[in-house]
Amino acid sequence: MGCPSQPKGELDLESFEHVKGLIWSTMVDLVNLVKPWVDFGSKGSNEYFEINGGCTMH
């Protein structure tokens, strides 16, 4: 009896899930880093849209 080897598909799926988790947590970190700047920038862009007759959230 050899050691129970996993089917290739299952192994790939597991590593895919792991990579997906890593990418997700990296994205969350990036969003947390960028969000304050986006909030800061959106104040300016709202004024820009008002001047140029774009949609505003009023």
C-alpha atoms as a PDB file:
ATOM      1  CA  MET A   1       0.000   0.000   0.000  1.00  0.00           C
ATOM      2  CA  GLY A   2       1.401   3.392  -0.988  1.00  0.00           C
ATOM      3  CA  CYS A   3       0.635   6.574   0.837  1.00  0.00           C
ATOM      4  CA  PRO A   4      -2.798   8.004   0.047  1.00  0.00           C
ATOM      5  CA  SER A   5      -2.058  10.554  -2.662  1.00  0.00           C
ATOM      6  CA  GLN A   6      -4.554  13.333  -3.207  1.00  0.00           C
ATOM      7  CA  PRO A   7      -6.149  13.678  -6.619  1.00  0.00           C
ATOM      8  CA  LYS A   8      -4.442  16.485  -8.525  1.00  0.00           C
ATOM      9  CA  GLY A   9      -7.622  18.518  -8.856  1.00  0.00           C
ATOM     10  CA  GLU A  10      -8.205  18.714  -5.099  1.00  0.00           C
ATOM     11  CA  LEU A  11      -4.628  19.797  -4.444  1.00  0.00           C
ATOM     12  CA  ASP A  12      -4.860  22.533  -7.079  1.00  0.00           C
ATOM     13  CA  LEU A  13      -8.148  23.754  -5.648  1.00  0.00           C
ATOM     14  CA  GLU A  14      -6.653  23.942  -2.144  1.00  0.00           C
ATOM     15  CA  SER A  15      -3.639  25.966  -3.272  1.00  0.00           C
ATOM     16  CA  PHE A  16      -5.949  28.152  -5.368  1.00  0.00           C
ATOM     17  CA  GLU A  17      -8.081  28.880  -2.285  1.00  0.00           C
ATOM     18  CA  HIS A  18      -4.911  29.704  -0.339  1.00  0.00           C
ATOM     19  CA  VAL A  19      -3.659  32.094  -3.036  1.00  0.00           C
ATOM     20  CA  LYS A  20      -7.119  33.637  -3.286  1.00  0.00           C
ATOM     21  CA  GLY A  21      -7.061  34.246   0.471  1.00  0.00           C
ATOM     22  CA  LEU A  22      -3.633  35.876   0.233  1.00  0.00           C
ATOM     23  CA  ILE A  23      -4.729  38.113  -2.647  1.00  0.00           C
ATOM     24  CA  TRP A  24      -7.921  39.045  -0.791  1.00  0.00           C
ATOM     25  CA  SER A  25      -6.084  40.048   2.395  1.00  0.00           C
ATOM     26  CA  THR A  26      -3.558  42.022   0.329  1.00  0.00           C
ATOM     27  CA  MET A  27      -6.418  43.821  -1.432  1.00  0.00           C
ATOM     28  CA  VAL A  28      -8.055  44.627   1.922  1.00  0.00           C
ATOM     29  CA  ASP A  29      -4.741  46.046   3.176  1.00  0.00           C
ATOM     30  CA  LEU A  30      -4.409  48.142   0.015  1.00  0.00           C
ATOM     31  CA  VAL A  31      -7.980  49.440   0.311  1.00  0.00           C
ATOM     32  CA  ASN A  32      -7.363  50.415   3.939  1.00  0.00           C
ATOM     33  CA  LEU A  33      -4.222  52.262   2.831  1.00  0.00           C
ATOM     34  CA  VAL A  34      -5.874  54.030  -0.110  1.00  0.00           C
ATOM     35  CA  LYS A  35      -9.304  54.787   1.393  1.00  0.00           C
ATOM     36  CA  PRO A  36      -8.299  57.904   3.388  1.00  0.00           C
ATOM     37  CA  TRP A  37      -6.758  59.372   0.235  1.00  0.00           C
ATOM     38  CA  VAL A  38      -9.866  58.526  -1.798  1.00  0.00           C
ATOM     39  CA  ASP A  39     -12.108  60.140   0.828  1.00  0.00           C
ATOM     40  CA  PHE A  40      -9.830  63.192   0.816  1.00  0.00           C
ATOM     41  CA  GLY A  41      -9.817  63.293  -2.998  1.00  0.00           C
ATOM     42  CA  SER A  42     -13.576  62.801  -3.380  1.00  0.00           C
ATOM     43  CA  LYS A  43     -14.233  66.047  -1.497  1.00  0.00           C
ATOM     44  CA  GLY A  44     -12.270  67.870  -4.182  1.00  0.00           C
ATOM     45  CA  SER A  45     -13.845  65.930  -7.046  1.00  0.00           C
ATOM     46  CA  ASN A  46     -17.367  66.726  -5.779  1.00  0.00           C
ATOM     47  CA  GLU A  47     -16.562  70.431  -6.143  1.00  0.00           C
ATOM     48  CA  TYR A  48     -15.080  69.696  -9.569  1.00  0.00           C
ATOM     49  CA  PHE A  49     -18.293  67.957 -10.666  1.00  0.00           C
ATOM     50  CA  GLU A  50     -20.427  70.841  -9.402  1.00  0.00           C
ATOM     51  CA  ILE A  51     -18.376  73.309 -11.449  1.00  0.00           C
ATOM     52  CA  ASN A  52     -18.612  71.111 -14.552  1.00  0.00           C
ATOM     53  CA  GLY A  53     -22.308  70.293 -14.125  1.00  0.00           C
ATOM     54  CA  GLY A  54     -21.774  66.617 -13.299  1.00  0.00           C
ATOM     55  CA  CYS A  55     -23.833  64.472 -10.951  1.00  0.00           C
ATOM     56  CA  THR A  56     -23.534  65.321  -7.264  1.00  0.00           C
ATOM     57  CA  MET A  57     -24.776  63.574  -4.140  1.00  0.00           C
ATOM     58  CA  HIS A  58     -27.079  66.296  -2.757  1.00  0.00           C
END
